Amino acid sequence: MPRSATSILSESVWPALAAAALCALAACTGSEWPSRPAVVVNDVAVDSLKRAFGGRYALIDTAIPLRIAGFRKGYACSRILEIGLVKTSVAGLAGYRPKLSLQLPEGADCALDSAKRDSVLQVAFDARGDSVLRLFNTGSELTDSAILARGLISADSFDYVPMPLGFINRGRWFYRDSSAQAGRLLAAPDSLSACEAINHAEFSKHGDTTKVRFTWVTFERPASECAGPKHLDSIAVIRGGD
């Protein structure tokens, strides 16, 4: 269950908030608003709820940025009253969905605002409940999921330039580019301990160079469990930010 949550408004929301501040000081101070009762809208529709940084795993008791994406404020003067998560169950699968409430002005002086907005929550999940984190939108569609685990996530990156064979080795990491017969792949051939697993991999293009960024998780387990034989792991490399 979520242990804590802090709302951080993304850049796409700030223009609307700035307009709302100006509205409160100028256009919205007329006789129609806020002197007349405002309308409160609960359970505002949200297109998706996803982790800001994807991956197979989500760490327990660690702040995870969650992006609440694709909601409309309706008016520039609308105020966010509540933003967070609530527990839900869809087809027998336990998870969380966004809870968003807005206060809409009744006055006619406030400009309409139909643009879709995003916000980010920092949420930490404890060890109680399901071992899988499932995130749904307000339409009960699964928009993200991850395995909850205790451990440490590490990150690394390297650059790839076109090679005749379409792949390279970088230390214990193997990368196959899309110029090969199949798509981009990152693998660790027999080089990960029993307590390690690849978490996420993405690429960005810079001219002829491909930047590959990736993370892996080291699980919090007794040392005896990590002393087993090395193993293979691999993951598809998806397009990320440039």
Protein backbone atom coordinates (compact mmCIF):
# COMPACT_ATOMS: atom_id res chain seq x y z
CA MET A 1 0.00 0.00 0.00
CA PRO A 2 1.25 3.53 -0.55
CA ARG A 3 3.20 4.80 2.44
CA SER A 4 3.60 8.41 1.36
CA ALA A 5 2.78 10.66 -1.54
CA THR A 6 3.89 14.15 -2.56
CA SER A 7 2.51 15.94 -5.59
CA ILE A 8 4.99 17.60 -7.94
CA LEU A 9 3.36 19.44 -10.83
CA SER A 10 5.10 18.93 -14.16
CA GLU A 11 6.08 21.74 -16.51
CA SER A 12 2.95 21.18 -18.56
CA VAL A 13 0.83 22.16 -15.55
CA TRP A 14 2.69 25.30 -14.56
CA PRO A 15 1.27 27.52 -17.37
CA ALA A 16 -2.25 26.73 -16.22
CA LEU A 17 -1.33 27.43 -12.60
CA ALA A 18 0.23 30.74 -13.57
CA ALA A 19 -2.96 31.65 -15.42
CA ALA A 20 -4.97 30.66 -12.39
CA ALA A 21 -2.85 32.91 -10.17
CA LEU A 22 -3.36 35.86 -12.50
CA CYS A 23 -7.04 35.03 -12.65
CA ALA A 24 -7.29 35.13 -8.89
CA LEU A 25 -5.74 38.60 -8.86
CA ALA A 26 -7.57 40.06 -11.82
CA ALA A 27 -10.30 38.63 -14.04
CA CYS A 28 -11.71 36.20 -11.50
CA THR A 29 -12.20 38.80 -8.78
CA GLY A 30 -15.47 40.06 -10.26
CA SER A 31 -18.89 39.71 -8.73
CA GLU A 32 -19.54 36.23 -10.21
CA TRP A 33 -16.52 34.41 -8.82
CA PRO A 34 -15.42 33.57 -6.18
CA SER A 35 -18.39 35.15 -4.41
CA ARG A 36 -20.69 32.53 -6.01
CA PRO A 37 -20.34 28.87 -4.99
CA ALA A 38 -17.75 26.96 -6.97
CA VAL A 39 -18.35 23.49 -8.37
CA VAL A 40 -16.29 20.56 -7.07
CA VAL A 41 -15.65 17.72 -9.51
CA ASN A 42 -14.54 14.43 -7.97
CA ASP A 43 -12.86 11.54 -9.80
CA VAL A 44 -11.65 13.57 -12.77
CA ALA A 45 -10.85 11.30 -15.73
CA VAL A 46 -7.13 10.44 -16.09
CA ASP A 47 -5.71 8.76 -19.20
CA SER A 48 -2.82 6.92 -17.58
CA LEU A 49 -0.93 6.29 -14.36
CA LYS A 50 2.66 5.18 -14.93
CA ARG A 51 6.05 5.22 -13.30
CA ALA A 52 8.13 8.10 -14.62
CA PHE A 53 11.02 5.65 -15.05
CA GLY A 54 9.95 2.24 -16.25
CA GLY A 55 11.44 -1.16 -15.59
CA ARG A 56 10.60 -4.66 -14.49
CA TYR A 57 10.99 -3.86 -10.79
CA ALA A 58 9.86 -1.22 -8.30
CA LEU A 59 11.73 -0.95 -5.02
CA ILE A 60 9.86 -1.28 -1.73
CA ASP A 61 10.12 1.65 0.72
CA THR A 62 11.70 3.83 -1.97
CA ALA A 63 10.12 6.98 -3.40
CA ILE A 64 8.89 6.20 -6.91
CA PRO A 65 7.86 9.02 -9.28
CA LEU A 66 4.42 8.25 -10.72
CA ARG A 67 3.10 10.28 -13.65
CA ILE A 68 -0.61 11.06 -13.66
CA ALA A 69 -1.14 11.95 -17.30
CA GLY A 70 -3.95 13.22 -19.49
CA PHE A 71 -6.43 15.08 -17.30
CA ARG A 72 -8.24 18.33 -18.10
CA LYS A 73 -8.74 21.24 -15.71
CA GLY A 74 -11.66 22.69 -17.66
CA TYR A 75 -10.90 26.31 -16.72
CA ALA A 76 -7.68 28.27 -16.20
CA CYS A 77 -8.93 29.19 -12.71
CA SER A 78 -9.66 25.61 -11.66
CA ARG A 79 -7.88 24.50 -8.52
CA ILE A 80 -6.61 21.02 -7.70
CA LEU A 81 -8.16 20.06 -4.37
CA GLU A 82 -6.91 16.49 -4.11
CA ILE A 83 -4.44 14.38 -6.04
CA GLY A 84 -3.28 10.94 -4.99
CA LEU A 85 -3.86 7.19 -5.25
CA VAL A 86 -6.66 4.92 -4.08
CA LYS A 87 -6.68 1.13 -3.91
CA THR A 88 -8.74 -0.64 -6.55
CA SER A 89 -9.39 -4.11 -7.91
CA VAL A 90 -9.99 -4.87 -11.58
CA ALA A 91 -10.96 -8.40 -12.63
CA GLY A 92 -9.64 -9.69 -9.33
CA LEU A 93 -6.27 -7.91 -9.69
CA ALA A 94 -5.40 -5.52 -6.86
CA GLY A 95 -3.78 -2.21 -7.70
CA TYR A 96 -4.06 1.56 -7.56
CA ARG A 97 -5.77 4.24 -9.60
CA PRO A 98 -5.46 8.04 -9.49
CA LYS A 99 -7.80 10.15 -7.36
CA LEU A 100 -8.13 13.70 -8.65
CA SER A 101 -10.60 16.37 -7.52
CA LEU A 102 -10.93 19.88 -8.96
CA GLN A 103 -12.75 23.04 -7.94
CA LEU A 104 -14.24 24.73 -11.00
CA PRO A 105 -15.22 28.43 -10.93
CA GLU A 106 -18.81 29.30 -11.78
CA GLY A 107 -17.94 32.79 -12.97
CA ALA A 108 -17.94 33.44 -16.71
CA ASP A 109 -14.79 35.56 -16.58
CA CYS A 110 -12.37 32.63 -16.33
CA ALA A 111 -11.01 31.28 -19.62
CA LEU A 112 -11.71 27.73 -20.74
CA ASP A 113 -8.75 25.35 -20.61
CA SER A 114 -9.19 22.09 -22.53
CA ALA A 115 -5.50 21.12 -22.72
CA LYS A 116 -4.46 17.80 -21.22
CA ARG A 117 -2.26 18.12 -18.15
CA ASP A 118 0.22 15.94 -16.28
CA SER A 119 1.30 15.75 -12.68
CA VAL A 120 3.87 13.65 -10.82
CA LEU A 121 3.52 11.99 -7.42
CA GLN A 122 6.38 10.68 -5.32
CA VAL A 123 5.05 7.51 -3.71
CA ALA A 124 6.70 4.86 -1.53
CA PHE A 125 5.11 1.42 -1.25
CA ASP A 126 5.61 -0.89 1.72
CA ALA A 127 5.90 -4.67 1.74
CA ARG A 128 2.27 -5.36 2.65
CA GLY A 129 -0.19 -6.58 0.04
CA ASP A 130 0.48 -7.87 -3.45
CA SER A 131 4.02 -8.56 -4.69
CA VAL A 132 3.13 -6.88 -8.00
CA LEU A 133 2.51 -3.15 -8.32
CA ARG A 134 -0.37 -2.54 -10.75
CA LEU A 135 -1.38 0.94 -11.88
CA PHE A 136 -4.73 1.59 -13.55
CA ASN A 137 -6.25 4.69 -15.11
CA THR A 138 -9.69 5.93 -14.08
CA GLY A 139 -11.21 3.76 -16.81
CA SER A 140 -9.89 0.60 -15.09
CA GLU A 141 -7.29 0.00 -17.82
CA LEU A 142 -3.93 -1.38 -16.68
CA THR A 143 -1.35 1.23 -17.72
CA ASP A 144 1.75 0.01 -15.85
CA SER A 145 2.97 -2.81 -13.63
CA ALA A 146 6.16 -3.91 -11.90
CA ILE A 147 7.44 -6.53 -9.48
CA LEU A 148 7.90 -5.12 -5.96
CA ALA A 149 11.29 -6.01 -4.50
CA ARG A 150 13.83 -4.90 -1.95
CA GLY A 151 17.25 -4.00 -3.23
CA LEU A 152 19.40 -1.45 -5.01
CA ILE A 153 19.09 -0.21 -8.58
CA SER A 154 22.33 0.65 -10.44
CA ALA A 155 22.68 2.46 -13.75
CA ASP A 156 25.20 2.57 -16.59
CA SER A 157 25.41 3.56 -20.26
CA PHE A 158 27.58 3.22 -23.34
CA ASP A 159 27.71 4.48 -26.94
CA TYR A 160 27.27 2.27 -29.96
CA VAL A 161 28.40 3.13 -33.49
CA PRO A 162 27.33 0.99 -36.47
CA MET A 163 29.29 -2.27 -36.63
CA PRO A 164 29.33 -4.82 -39.47
CA LEU A 165 27.92 -7.59 -37.26
CA GLY A 166 25.36 -5.34 -35.57
CA PHE A 167 26.43 -6.05 -31.99
CA ILE A 168 29.13 -5.22 -29.42
CA ASN A 169 30.35 -6.38 -26.01
CA ARG A 170 30.96 -3.85 -23.24
CA GLY A 171 32.39 -5.58 -20.21
CA ARG A 172 29.80 -8.05 -19.02
CA TRP A 173 27.12 -6.49 -21.25
CA PHE A 174 26.16 -7.57 -24.75
CA TYR A 175 24.21 -5.22 -27.03
CA ARG A 176 22.53 -6.15 -30.32
CA ASP A 177 21.48 -3.23 -32.49
CA SER A 178 18.39 -3.08 -34.70
CA SER A 179 20.60 -3.54 -37.76
CA ALA A 180 20.65 -7.21 -36.85
CA GLN A 181 17.83 -9.53 -37.88
CA ALA A 182 15.83 -8.84 -34.72
CA GLY A 183 15.29 -5.71 -32.62
CA ARG A 184 17.55 -4.07 -30.09
CA LEU A 185 18.52 -6.29 -27.16
CA LEU A 186 20.68 -5.89 -24.05
CA ALA A 187 21.95 -9.06 -22.42
CA ALA A 188 24.32 -10.16 -19.68
CA PRO A 189 25.56 -13.58 -20.84
CA ASP A 190 26.24 -15.72 -17.74
CA SER A 191 27.61 -12.72 -15.84
CA LEU A 192 24.89 -11.79 -13.33
CA SER A 193 24.89 -13.14 -9.79
CA ALA A 194 21.89 -15.00 -8.42
CA CYS A 195 20.80 -11.73 -6.78
CA GLU A 196 21.01 -9.54 -9.91
CA ALA A 197 18.61 -8.95 -12.79
CA ILE A 198 18.35 -6.45 -15.63
CA ASN A 199 15.65 -3.90 -14.89
CA HIS A 200 15.36 -1.51 -17.86
CA ALA A 201 17.12 -0.52 -21.08
CA GLU A 202 16.50 2.33 -23.52
CA PHE A 203 18.29 4.03 -26.40
CA SER A 204 18.51 7.46 -27.98
CA LYS A 205 20.01 8.49 -31.31
CA HIS A 206 22.68 11.18 -31.72
CA GLY A 207 23.66 11.25 -35.39
CA ASP A 208 25.26 7.89 -36.19
CA THR A 209 25.76 7.13 -32.50
CA THR A 210 23.28 5.23 -30.36
CA LYS A 211 23.34 5.96 -26.64
CA VAL A 212 22.24 2.93 -24.60
CA ARG A 213 21.18 3.53 -20.98
CA PHE A 214 20.23 0.70 -18.69
CA THR A 215 19.64 -0.26 -15.07
CA TRP A 216 19.87 -3.48 -13.10
CA VAL A 217 18.71 -4.44 -9.64
CA THR A 218 20.66 -6.16 -6.88
CA PHE A 219 18.14 -7.83 -4.62
CA GLU A 220 18.36 -7.61 -0.84
CA ARG A 221 18.90 -11.25 0.04
CA PRO A 222 21.16 -13.30 2.32
CA ALA A 223 24.72 -13.61 0.98
CA SER A 224 24.31 -17.37 0.75
CA GLU A 225 21.53 -16.94 -1.81
CA CYS A 226 23.69 -14.66 -3.95
CA ALA A 227 26.64 -17.04 -4.10
CA GLY A 228 25.08 -19.34 -6.67
CA PRO A 229 26.18 -19.71 -10.29
CA LYS A 230 26.09 -16.76 -12.69
CA HIS A 231 23.10 -16.57 -14.98
CA LEU A 232 21.93 -15.06 -18.27
CA ASP A 233 19.43 -12.24 -18.44
CA SER A 234 18.25 -10.07 -21.34
CA ILE A 235 15.76 -7.33 -22.10
CA ALA A 236 14.44 -5.47 -25.14
CA VAL A 237 15.89 -1.97 -25.55
CA ILE A 238 13.15 0.59 -26.07
CA ARG A 239 13.33 4.15 -27.35
CA GLY A 240 13.87 6.69 -24.61
CA GLY A 241 14.44 10.43 -24.33
CA ASP A 242 17.12 12.02 -26.48
